[in-house]
Amino acid sequence: MKFQATAIAGCVLVEPEPRRDERGFFARTFCPEEFATAGIAFTPAQINLSRNDRRHTLRGLHFQDPPFAEAKLVQAVRGAVFDVVVDLRPESATFRHWAAFELTAEAANALFIPEGCAHGFLSLADGTDVQYLMGRAYVPGKAKGHRYDDPAFAIRWPHPPAVIAPADLAWPAFA
């Protein structure tokens, strides 16, 4: 695996090193030892799957505050997403900054998102599935979020959402 630092402190793009042959390819997408060597302390506690039937489905921006904060390894296992991370850690040099990445099943790339960051995505294809390896199990009642179009972040989404949950529209503004 290749680990590429991003503009958000602690957020890392993870790219597989596929072994190809006539059958297709085989690639490791998570290995605790390789993550540790790259300086990422991450042990999945839960694995989630998000199915998104329609292109331009928007989910997010989601997070949980300490002590329930969640690190995540996010990967599109079918289709593609415009994946967004917003740094909500006041002590971070990248506080309130956002970064976006295209994650595709074809590339098999993934994004490690550290605790203290909000996460959201816009599906770029019908029938997009996103797998999350979570560093902590979800705690009911502790989920939080901010609106995807919050002017405090000014995220430049590639397309307006066609589908978005009422709960995601109801998140408060950051300020």
N, C-alpha and C. Protein backbone atom coordinates (compact mmCIF):
# COMPACT_ATOMS: atom_id res chain seq x y z
N MET A 1 0.84 -1.18 0.00
CA MET A 1 0.00 0.00 0.00
C MET A 1 0.88 1.24 0.00
N LYS A 2 0.36 2.27 -0.65
CA LYS A 2 1.02 3.57 -0.64
C LYS A 2 0.18 4.50 0.23
N PHE A 3 0.85 5.28 1.07
CA PHE A 3 0.18 6.21 1.97
C PHE A 3 0.59 7.63 1.57
N GLN A 4 -0.41 8.44 1.23
CA GLN A 4 -0.14 9.80 0.76
C GLN A 4 -0.79 10.79 1.71
N ALA A 5 0.04 11.65 2.32
CA ALA A 5 -0.48 12.70 3.19
C ALA A 5 -1.37 13.63 2.37
N THR A 6 -2.33 14.26 3.04
CA THR A 6 -3.25 15.18 2.36
C THR A 6 -3.15 16.56 3.00
N ALA A 7 -3.95 17.47 2.52
CA ALA A 7 -3.97 18.84 3.04
C ALA A 7 -4.58 18.93 4.44
N ILE A 8 -5.25 17.87 4.90
CA ILE A 8 -5.82 17.83 6.24
C ILE A 8 -4.90 17.00 7.13
N ALA A 9 -4.45 17.59 8.24
CA ALA A 9 -3.53 16.92 9.15
C ALA A 9 -4.09 15.57 9.60
N GLY A 10 -3.32 14.50 9.39
CA GLY A 10 -3.72 13.17 9.82
C GLY A 10 -4.60 12.42 8.86
N CYS A 11 -5.11 13.09 7.84
CA CYS A 11 -5.95 12.44 6.82
C CYS A 11 -5.01 11.90 5.74
N VAL A 12 -5.16 10.61 5.39
CA VAL A 12 -4.21 9.96 4.50
C VAL A 12 -4.96 9.22 3.39
N LEU A 13 -4.53 9.45 2.15
CA LEU A 13 -5.05 8.70 1.02
C LEU A 13 -4.27 7.40 0.93
N VAL A 14 -5.00 6.29 0.88
CA VAL A 14 -4.38 4.97 0.84
C VAL A 14 -4.63 4.36 -0.53
N GLU A 15 -3.54 4.06 -1.23
CA GLU A 15 -3.65 3.49 -2.57
C GLU A 15 -3.08 2.08 -2.57
N PRO A 16 -3.84 1.14 -3.10
CA PRO A 16 -3.37 -0.24 -3.13
C PRO A 16 -2.26 -0.40 -4.17
N GLU A 17 -1.53 -1.47 -4.04
CA GLU A 17 -0.54 -1.86 -5.03
C GLU A 17 -0.98 -3.20 -5.59
N PRO A 18 -1.90 -3.15 -6.56
CA PRO A 18 -2.50 -4.40 -7.05
C PRO A 18 -1.50 -5.30 -7.76
N ARG A 19 -1.72 -6.59 -7.57
CA ARG A 19 -0.98 -7.62 -8.30
C ARG A 19 -1.94 -8.12 -9.37
N ARG A 20 -1.61 -7.84 -10.62
CA ARG A 20 -2.50 -8.16 -11.73
C ARG A 20 -2.06 -9.43 -12.45
N ASP A 21 -3.08 -10.15 -12.94
CA ASP A 21 -2.84 -11.28 -13.83
C ASP A 21 -4.08 -11.45 -14.70
N GLU A 22 -4.19 -12.55 -15.40
CA GLU A 22 -5.31 -12.74 -16.33
C GLU A 22 -6.67 -12.79 -15.65
N ARG A 23 -6.71 -13.02 -14.35
CA ARG A 23 -7.97 -13.06 -13.62
C ARG A 23 -8.47 -11.68 -13.23
N GLY A 24 -7.57 -10.71 -13.16
CA GLY A 24 -7.89 -9.37 -12.67
C GLY A 24 -6.77 -8.91 -11.77
N PHE A 25 -7.11 -8.56 -10.53
CA PHE A 25 -6.05 -8.18 -9.60
C PHE A 25 -6.42 -8.56 -8.18
N PHE A 26 -5.39 -8.58 -7.33
CA PHE A 26 -5.53 -8.79 -5.90
C PHE A 26 -4.79 -7.64 -5.23
N ALA A 27 -5.41 -7.02 -4.22
CA ALA A 27 -4.77 -5.91 -3.53
C ALA A 27 -5.15 -5.91 -2.06
N ARG A 28 -4.19 -5.61 -1.23
CA ARG A 28 -4.45 -5.44 0.19
C ARG A 28 -4.98 -4.02 0.38
N THR A 29 -6.09 -3.87 1.12
CA THR A 29 -6.66 -2.55 1.37
C THR A 29 -6.55 -2.13 2.83
N PHE A 30 -6.22 -3.07 3.71
CA PHE A 30 -5.96 -2.73 5.10
C PHE A 30 -5.02 -3.77 5.69
N CYS A 31 -4.01 -3.30 6.39
CA CYS A 31 -3.06 -4.16 7.11
C CYS A 31 -2.58 -3.38 8.32
N PRO A 32 -2.87 -3.86 9.53
CA PRO A 32 -2.47 -3.11 10.73
C PRO A 32 -0.97 -2.80 10.77
N GLU A 33 -0.14 -3.75 10.34
CA GLU A 33 1.30 -3.52 10.38
C GLU A 33 1.72 -2.42 9.41
N GLU A 34 1.17 -2.43 8.19
CA GLU A 34 1.52 -1.39 7.22
C GLU A 34 1.01 -0.02 7.66
N PHE A 35 -0.18 0.02 8.25
CA PHE A 35 -0.70 1.28 8.77
C PHE A 35 0.19 1.80 9.89
N ALA A 36 0.60 0.92 10.80
CA ALA A 36 1.48 1.33 11.90
C ALA A 36 2.81 1.85 11.38
N THR A 37 3.37 1.18 10.38
CA THR A 37 4.63 1.63 9.78
C THR A 37 4.46 3.02 9.17
N ALA A 38 3.27 3.31 8.66
CA ALA A 38 2.97 4.62 8.07
C ALA A 38 2.61 5.65 9.15
N GLY A 39 2.63 5.24 10.43
CA GLY A 39 2.34 6.17 11.52
C GLY A 39 0.87 6.32 11.85
N ILE A 40 0.06 5.36 11.37
CA ILE A 40 -1.38 5.42 11.61
C ILE A 40 -1.77 4.32 12.59
N ALA A 41 -2.18 4.72 13.80
CA ALA A 41 -2.66 3.76 14.79
C ALA A 41 -4.16 3.59 14.57
N PHE A 42 -4.54 2.46 13.98
CA PHE A 42 -5.95 2.26 13.63
C PHE A 42 -6.28 0.78 13.72
N THR A 43 -7.30 0.48 14.51
CA THR A 43 -7.81 -0.88 14.63
C THR A 43 -9.32 -0.83 14.42
N PRO A 44 -9.82 -1.41 13.35
CA PRO A 44 -11.27 -1.38 13.12
C PRO A 44 -12.04 -2.10 14.21
N ALA A 45 -13.14 -1.47 14.64
CA ALA A 45 -14.02 -2.05 15.64
C ALA A 45 -15.37 -2.42 15.03
N GLN A 46 -15.64 -1.89 13.84
CA GLN A 46 -16.93 -2.09 13.19
C GLN A 46 -16.75 -1.82 11.70
N ILE A 47 -17.49 -2.55 10.87
CA ILE A 47 -17.47 -2.33 9.43
C ILE A 47 -18.89 -2.03 8.98
N ASN A 48 -19.06 -0.92 8.24
CA ASN A 48 -20.37 -0.49 7.77
C ASN A 48 -20.37 -0.40 6.25
N LEU A 49 -21.55 -0.53 5.67
CA LEU A 49 -21.73 -0.41 4.23
C LEU A 49 -22.86 0.58 3.97
N SER A 50 -22.60 1.55 3.10
CA SER A 50 -23.60 2.53 2.70
C SER A 50 -23.95 2.28 1.24
N ARG A 51 -25.19 1.93 0.97
CA ARG A 51 -25.65 1.72 -0.41
C ARG A 51 -26.35 3.00 -0.86
N ASN A 52 -26.00 3.45 -2.05
CA ASN A 52 -26.53 4.70 -2.60
C ASN A 52 -27.05 4.41 -4.00
N ASP A 53 -28.37 4.27 -4.09
CA ASP A 53 -28.99 3.83 -5.34
C ASP A 53 -28.82 4.84 -6.47
N ARG A 54 -28.89 6.12 -6.13
CA ARG A 54 -28.89 7.15 -7.18
C ARG A 54 -27.63 8.00 -7.18
N ARG A 55 -27.19 8.33 -8.38
CA ARG A 55 -26.09 9.28 -8.56
C ARG A 55 -26.47 10.61 -7.91
N HIS A 56 -25.49 11.26 -7.33
CA HIS A 56 -25.63 12.54 -6.65
C HIS A 56 -26.41 12.45 -5.35
N THR A 57 -26.34 11.29 -4.70
CA THR A 57 -26.84 11.15 -3.34
C THR A 57 -25.77 11.73 -2.42
N LEU A 58 -26.19 12.63 -1.51
CA LEU A 58 -25.25 13.25 -0.59
C LEU A 58 -25.51 12.74 0.83
N ARG A 59 -24.43 12.35 1.48
CA ARG A 59 -24.48 11.95 2.89
C ARG A 59 -23.45 12.78 3.65
N GLY A 60 -23.88 13.34 4.78
CA GLY A 60 -22.93 14.07 5.61
C GLY A 60 -23.34 15.52 5.78
N LEU A 61 -22.55 16.19 6.49
CA LEU A 61 -21.23 15.95 7.06
C LEU A 61 -21.40 15.38 8.47
N HIS A 62 -20.88 14.20 8.74
CA HIS A 62 -21.11 13.49 9.99
C HIS A 62 -19.85 13.37 10.84
N PHE A 63 -20.06 13.30 12.17
CA PHE A 63 -18.97 13.07 13.12
C PHE A 63 -19.57 12.74 14.48
N GLN A 64 -18.71 12.32 15.40
CA GLN A 64 -19.08 12.15 16.81
C GLN A 64 -17.98 12.82 17.62
N ASP A 65 -18.38 13.58 18.65
CA ASP A 65 -17.41 14.26 19.51
C ASP A 65 -16.78 13.28 20.49
N PRO A 66 -15.59 13.63 21.04
CA PRO A 66 -14.98 12.82 22.09
C PRO A 66 -15.93 12.71 23.27
N PRO A 67 -15.97 11.64 23.97
CA PRO A 67 -15.09 10.48 23.85
C PRO A 67 -15.58 9.44 22.83
N PHE A 68 -16.50 9.83 21.98
CA PHE A 68 -17.08 8.89 21.00
C PHE A 68 -16.54 9.12 19.58
N ALA A 69 -15.55 9.98 19.44
CA ALA A 69 -15.01 10.32 18.11
C ALA A 69 -14.55 9.05 17.38
N GLU A 70 -14.74 9.06 16.07
CA GLU A 70 -14.47 7.88 15.25
C GLU A 70 -13.44 8.19 14.16
N ALA A 71 -12.38 7.41 14.11
CA ALA A 71 -11.51 7.40 12.94
C ALA A 71 -12.16 6.44 11.95
N LYS A 72 -11.94 6.68 10.64
CA LYS A 72 -12.59 5.86 9.62
C LYS A 72 -11.62 5.59 8.48
N LEU A 73 -11.77 4.44 7.88
CA LEU A 73 -11.14 4.14 6.60
C LEU A 73 -12.28 3.92 5.63
N VAL A 74 -12.42 4.81 4.64
CA VAL A 74 -13.57 4.84 3.74
C VAL A 74 -13.12 4.42 2.34
N GLN A 75 -13.94 3.55 1.70
CA GLN A 75 -13.60 3.07 0.37
C GLN A 75 -14.86 2.83 -0.45
N ALA A 76 -14.87 3.30 -1.69
CA ALA A 76 -15.97 2.99 -2.60
C ALA A 76 -15.70 1.58 -3.13
N VAL A 77 -16.58 0.64 -2.81
CA VAL A 77 -16.39 -0.74 -3.27
C VAL A 77 -17.22 -1.04 -4.51
N ARG A 78 -18.10 -0.11 -4.86
CA ARG A 78 -18.84 -0.16 -6.12
C ARG A 78 -19.16 1.28 -6.49
N GLY A 79 -18.89 1.66 -7.73
CA GLY A 79 -19.16 3.02 -8.16
C GLY A 79 -18.06 3.98 -7.76
N ALA A 80 -18.46 5.23 -7.45
CA ALA A 80 -17.50 6.28 -7.15
C ALA A 80 -18.14 7.36 -6.30
N VAL A 81 -17.31 8.03 -5.50
CA VAL A 81 -17.78 9.14 -4.67
C VAL A 81 -16.80 10.30 -4.71
N PHE A 82 -17.35 11.49 -4.51
CA PHE A 82 -16.60 12.70 -4.20
C PHE A 82 -16.62 12.76 -2.69
N ASP A 83 -15.51 12.42 -2.06
CA ASP A 83 -15.43 12.24 -0.62
C ASP A 83 -14.82 13.49 0.03
N VAL A 84 -15.47 14.01 1.08
CA VAL A 84 -15.05 15.26 1.69
C VAL A 84 -14.76 15.06 3.17
N VAL A 85 -13.66 15.67 3.62
CA VAL A 85 -13.26 15.69 5.03
C VAL A 85 -13.14 17.14 5.47
N VAL A 86 -13.71 17.46 6.63
CA VAL A 86 -13.59 18.80 7.22
C VAL A 86 -12.96 18.64 8.59
N ASP A 87 -11.87 19.38 8.82
CA ASP A 87 -11.16 19.31 10.10
C ASP A 87 -11.90 20.17 11.13
N LEU A 88 -12.40 19.52 12.19
CA LEU A 88 -13.13 20.22 13.25
C LEU A 88 -12.33 20.30 14.55
N ARG A 89 -11.03 20.00 14.48
CA ARG A 89 -10.18 20.01 15.67
C ARG A 89 -9.60 21.41 15.88
N PRO A 90 -10.07 22.14 16.91
CA PRO A 90 -9.62 23.53 17.12
C PRO A 90 -8.10 23.66 17.25
N GLU A 91 -7.42 22.65 17.76
CA GLU A 91 -5.97 22.72 17.95
C GLU A 91 -5.19 22.39 16.69
N SER A 92 -5.86 21.98 15.64
CA SER A 92 -5.21 21.57 14.40
C SER A 92 -4.83 22.76 13.53
N ALA A 93 -3.70 22.66 12.85
CA ALA A 93 -3.27 23.70 11.91
C ALA A 93 -4.22 23.79 10.72
N THR A 94 -5.01 22.74 10.49
CA THR A 94 -5.94 22.74 9.35
C THR A 94 -7.40 22.86 9.82
N PHE A 95 -7.61 23.40 11.02
CA PHE A 95 -8.95 23.60 11.57
C PHE A 95 -9.83 24.36 10.58
N ARG A 96 -11.03 23.82 10.33
CA ARG A 96 -12.06 24.36 9.44
C ARG A 96 -11.69 24.25 7.96
N HIS A 97 -10.58 23.64 7.63
CA HIS A 97 -10.24 23.40 6.24
C HIS A 97 -10.93 22.13 5.78
N TRP A 98 -11.16 22.03 4.47
CA TRP A 98 -11.74 20.82 3.91
C TRP A 98 -10.87 20.35 2.75
N ALA A 99 -10.98 19.08 2.46
CA ALA A 99 -10.30 18.49 1.32
C ALA A 99 -11.23 17.45 0.72
N ALA A 100 -11.12 17.26 -0.58
CA ALA A 100 -11.99 16.30 -1.29
C ALA A 100 -11.14 15.34 -2.11
N PHE A 101 -11.67 14.14 -2.27
CA PHE A 101 -10.96 13.07 -2.97
C PHE A 101 -11.98 12.26 -3.76
N GLU A 102 -11.60 11.83 -4.94
CA GLU A 102 -12.45 10.91 -5.68
C GLU A 102 -12.02 9.49 -5.34
N LEU A 103 -12.93 8.76 -4.74
CA LEU A 103 -12.69 7.35 -4.41
C LEU A 103 -13.52 6.52 -5.38
N THR A 104 -12.89 5.55 -6.03
CA THR A 104 -13.59 4.72 -7.00
C THR A 104 -13.32 3.25 -6.75
N ALA A 105 -14.31 2.44 -7.08
CA ALA A 105 -14.13 1.00 -6.97
C ALA A 105 -13.03 0.54 -7.92
N GLU A 106 -12.95 1.15 -9.07
CA GLU A 106 -11.94 0.77 -10.06
C GLU A 106 -10.53 1.01 -9.53
N ALA A 107 -10.30 2.15 -8.89
CA ALA A 107 -8.97 2.47 -8.35
C ALA A 107 -8.71 1.71 -7.05
N ALA A 108 -9.77 1.31 -6.34
CA ALA A 108 -9.67 0.62 -5.05
C ALA A 108 -8.93 1.45 -4.01
N ASN A 109 -8.94 2.78 -4.19
CA ASN A 109 -8.29 3.64 -3.21
C ASN A 109 -9.20 3.85 -2.01
N ALA A 110 -8.61 4.31 -0.92
CA ALA A 110 -9.36 4.51 0.32
C ALA A 110 -8.84 5.78 0.99
N LEU A 111 -9.60 6.28 1.95
CA LEU A 111 -9.22 7.47 2.67
C LEU A 111 -9.30 7.20 4.16
N PHE A 112 -8.18 7.45 4.86
CA PHE A 112 -8.18 7.36 6.31
C PHE A 112 -8.51 8.74 6.85
N ILE A 113 -9.55 8.79 7.69
CA ILE A 113 -10.04 10.04 8.27
C ILE A 113 -9.83 9.97 9.78
N PRO A 114 -9.03 10.86 10.35
CA PRO A 114 -8.77 10.79 11.78
C PRO A 114 -9.95 11.27 12.62
N GLU A 115 -9.92 10.92 13.90
CA GLU A 115 -10.92 11.43 14.83
C GLU A 115 -10.91 12.96 14.79
N GLY A 116 -12.08 13.54 14.98
CA GLY A 116 -12.18 14.99 15.04
C GLY A 116 -12.47 15.65 13.71
N CYS A 117 -12.69 14.84 12.68
CA CYS A 117 -13.02 15.38 11.37
C CYS A 117 -14.44 14.97 10.99
N ALA A 118 -15.14 15.88 10.32
CA ALA A 118 -16.45 15.55 9.76
C ALA A 118 -16.22 14.92 8.39
N HIS A 119 -17.16 14.06 7.99
CA HIS A 119 -17.03 13.33 6.73
C HIS A 119 -18.36 13.34 6.00
N GLY A 120 -18.29 13.47 4.69
CA GLY A 120 -19.46 13.37 3.85
C GLY A 120 -19.04 12.99 2.44
N PHE A 121 -20.01 12.58 1.63
CA PHE A 121 -19.69 12.27 0.24
C PHE A 121 -20.90 12.48 -0.65
N LEU A 122 -20.60 12.63 -1.93
CA LEU A 122 -21.60 12.72 -2.99
C LEU A 122 -21.33 11.56 -3.94
N SER A 123 -22.33 10.69 -4.14
CA SER A 123 -22.12 9.58 -5.07
C SER A 123 -22.04 10.13 -6.49
N LEU A 124 -21.15 9.54 -7.28
CA LEU A 124 -20.92 9.98 -8.64
C LEU A 124 -21.50 9.02 -9.68
N ALA A 125 -22.07 7.93 -9.21
CA ALA A 125 -22.65 6.93 -10.11
C ALA A 125 -23.85 6.28 -9.42
N ASP A 126 -24.82 5.84 -10.22
CA ASP A 126 -25.91 5.04 -9.66
C ASP A 126 -25.32 3.77 -9.05
N GLY A 127 -25.93 3.28 -8.00
CA GLY A 127 -25.51 2.01 -7.40
C GLY A 127 -24.13 2.06 -6.79
N THR A 128 -23.82 3.12 -6.06
CA THR A 128 -22.52 3.25 -5.40
C THR A 128 -22.60 2.71 -3.98
N ASP A 129 -21.65 1.84 -3.64
CA ASP A 129 -21.53 1.30 -2.29
C ASP A 129 -20.24 1.80 -1.66
N VAL A 130 -20.34 2.28 -0.42
CA VAL A 130 -19.18 2.78 0.31
C VAL A 130 -19.03 1.95 1.58
N GLN A 131 -17.83 1.42 1.77
CA GLN A 131 -17.53 0.63 2.96
C GLN A 131 -16.72 1.48 3.93
N TYR A 132 -17.09 1.42 5.21
CA TYR A 132 -16.40 2.14 6.26
C TYR A 132 -15.82 1.13 7.25
N LEU A 133 -14.54 1.20 7.49
CA LEU A 133 -13.94 0.51 8.63
C LEU A 133 -13.85 1.55 9.73
N MET A 134 -14.53 1.31 10.84
CA MET A 134 -14.65 2.29 11.91
C MET A 134 -13.72 1.95 13.07
N GLY A 135 -13.03 2.95 13.58
CA GLY A 135 -12.14 2.75 14.72
C GLY A 135 -12.87 2.61 16.04
N ARG A 136 -14.14 2.95 16.04
CA ARG A 136 -14.97 2.84 17.25
C ARG A 136 -16.38 2.50 16.78
N ALA A 137 -17.07 1.70 17.54
CA ALA A 137 -18.45 1.36 17.19
C ALA A 137 -19.34 2.60 17.34
N TYR A 138 -20.32 2.69 16.46
CA TYR A 138 -21.31 3.76 16.50
C TYR A 138 -22.03 3.75 17.85
N VAL A 139 -22.24 4.94 18.41
CA VAL A 139 -22.94 5.09 19.67
C VAL A 139 -24.25 5.83 19.40
N PRO A 140 -25.39 5.15 19.50
CA PRO A 140 -26.67 5.82 19.24
C PRO A 140 -26.83 7.09 20.07
N GLY A 141 -27.35 8.11 19.43
CA GLY A 141 -27.58 9.37 20.12
C GLY A 141 -26.38 10.30 20.16
N LYS A 142 -25.23 9.86 19.68
CA LYS A 142 -24.02 10.69 19.74
C LYS A 142 -23.62 11.25 18.38
N ALA A 143 -24.36 10.88 17.34
CA ALA A 143 -24.05 11.39 16.00
C ALA A 143 -24.32 12.88 15.93
N LYS A 144 -23.43 13.58 15.23
CA LYS A 144 -23.57 15.01 15.02
C LYS A 144 -23.27 15.30 13.55
N GLY A 145 -23.51 16.53 13.17
CA GLY A 145 -23.20 16.90 11.80
C GLY A 145 -23.30 18.38 11.58
N HIS A 146 -22.86 18.78 10.40
CA HIS A 146 -23.02 20.14 9.91
C HIS A 146 -23.55 20.04 8.49
N ARG A 147 -24.23 21.07 8.05
CA ARG A 147 -24.80 21.07 6.70
C ARG A 147 -23.70 20.99 5.65
N TYR A 148 -24.00 20.29 4.59
CA TYR A 148 -23.06 20.12 3.49
C TYR A 148 -22.74 21.45 2.80
N ASP A 149 -23.67 22.40 2.88
CA ASP A 149 -23.51 23.69 2.22
C ASP A 149 -23.21 24.83 3.20
N ASP A 150 -22.67 24.49 4.37
CA ASP A 150 -22.37 25.48 5.39
C ASP A 150 -21.35 26.49 4.85
N PRO A 151 -21.67 27.79 4.87
CA PRO A 151 -20.72 28.79 4.37
C PRO A 151 -19.42 28.86 5.17
N ALA A 152 -19.40 28.36 6.39
CA ALA A 152 -18.17 28.35 7.18
C ALA A 152 -17.10 27.48 6.53
N PHE A 153 -17.52 26.51 5.72
CA PHE A 153 -16.57 25.61 5.06
C PHE A 153 -16.45 25.92 3.55
N ALA A 154 -17.54 26.37 2.94
CA ALA A 154 -17.56 26.71 1.51
C ALA A 154 -17.04 25.56 0.64
N ILE A 155 -17.56 24.38 0.88
CA ILE A 155 -17.16 23.21 0.09
C ILE A 155 -17.68 23.37 -1.33
N ARG A 156 -16.84 23.08 -2.28
CA ARG A 156 -17.21 23.15 -3.70
C ARG A 156 -17.57 21.74 -4.18
N TRP A 157 -18.83 21.38 -4.01
CA TRP A 157 -19.31 20.08 -4.47
C TRP A 157 -19.40 20.10 -5.99
N PRO A 158 -19.14 18.98 -6.67
CA PRO A 158 -19.14 18.98 -8.12
C PRO A 158 -20.53 19.04 -8.75
N HIS A 159 -21.56 18.79 -7.94
CA HIS A 159 -22.93 18.78 -8.44
C HIS A 159 -23.87 18.99 -7.26
N PRO A 160 -25.00 19.66 -7.45
CA PRO A 160 -25.97 19.76 -6.36
C PRO A 160 -26.53 18.37 -6.02
N PRO A 161 -26.83 18.12 -4.76
CA PRO A 161 -27.38 16.81 -4.42
C PRO A 161 -28.76 16.59 -5.04
N ALA A 162 -28.97 15.38 -5.55
CA ALA A 162 -30.29 14.97 -6.06
C ALA A 162 -31.08 14.29 -4.96
N VAL A 163 -30.36 13.66 -4.04
CA VAL A 163 -30.97 12.95 -2.91
C VAL A 163 -30.19 13.33 -1.66
N ILE A 164 -30.90 13.75 -0.64
CA ILE A 164 -30.28 14.05 0.65
C ILE A 164 -31.32 13.82 1.74
N ALA A 165 -30.92 13.24 2.84
CA ALA A 165 -31.85 12.94 3.93
C ALA A 165 -32.28 14.22 4.64
N PRO A 166 -33.54 14.28 5.08
CA PRO A 166 -33.98 15.44 5.86
C PRO A 166 -33.09 15.70 7.08
N ALA A 167 -32.58 14.64 7.70
CA ALA A 167 -31.70 14.80 8.87
C ALA A 167 -30.42 15.54 8.49
N ASP A 168 -29.88 15.25 7.30
CA ASP A 168 -28.66 15.94 6.87
C ASP A 168 -28.93 17.41 6.54
N LEU A 169 -30.14 17.72 6.10
CA LEU A 169 -30.50 19.13 5.85
C LEU A 169 -30.77 19.88 7.14
N ALA A 170 -31.05 19.15 8.22
CA ALA A 170 -31.39 19.78 9.49
C ALA A 170 -30.19 20.03 10.42
N TRP A 171 -28.98 19.59 10.01
CA TRP A 171 -27.82 19.83 10.87
C TRP A 171 -27.62 21.33 11.04
N PRO A 172 -27.11 21.75 12.21
CA PRO A 172 -26.89 23.18 12.43
C PRO A 172 -25.67 23.70 11.67
N ALA A 173 -25.63 25.01 11.51
CA ALA A 173 -24.46 25.66 10.93
C ALA A 173 -23.30 25.55 11.90
N PHE A 174 -22.09 25.58 11.40
CA PHE A 174 -20.89 25.48 12.24
C PHE A 174 -20.79 26.63 13.22
N ALA A 175 -20.94 27.85 12.70
CA ALA A 175 -20.81 29.03 13.57
C ALA A 175 -22.04 29.17 14.43
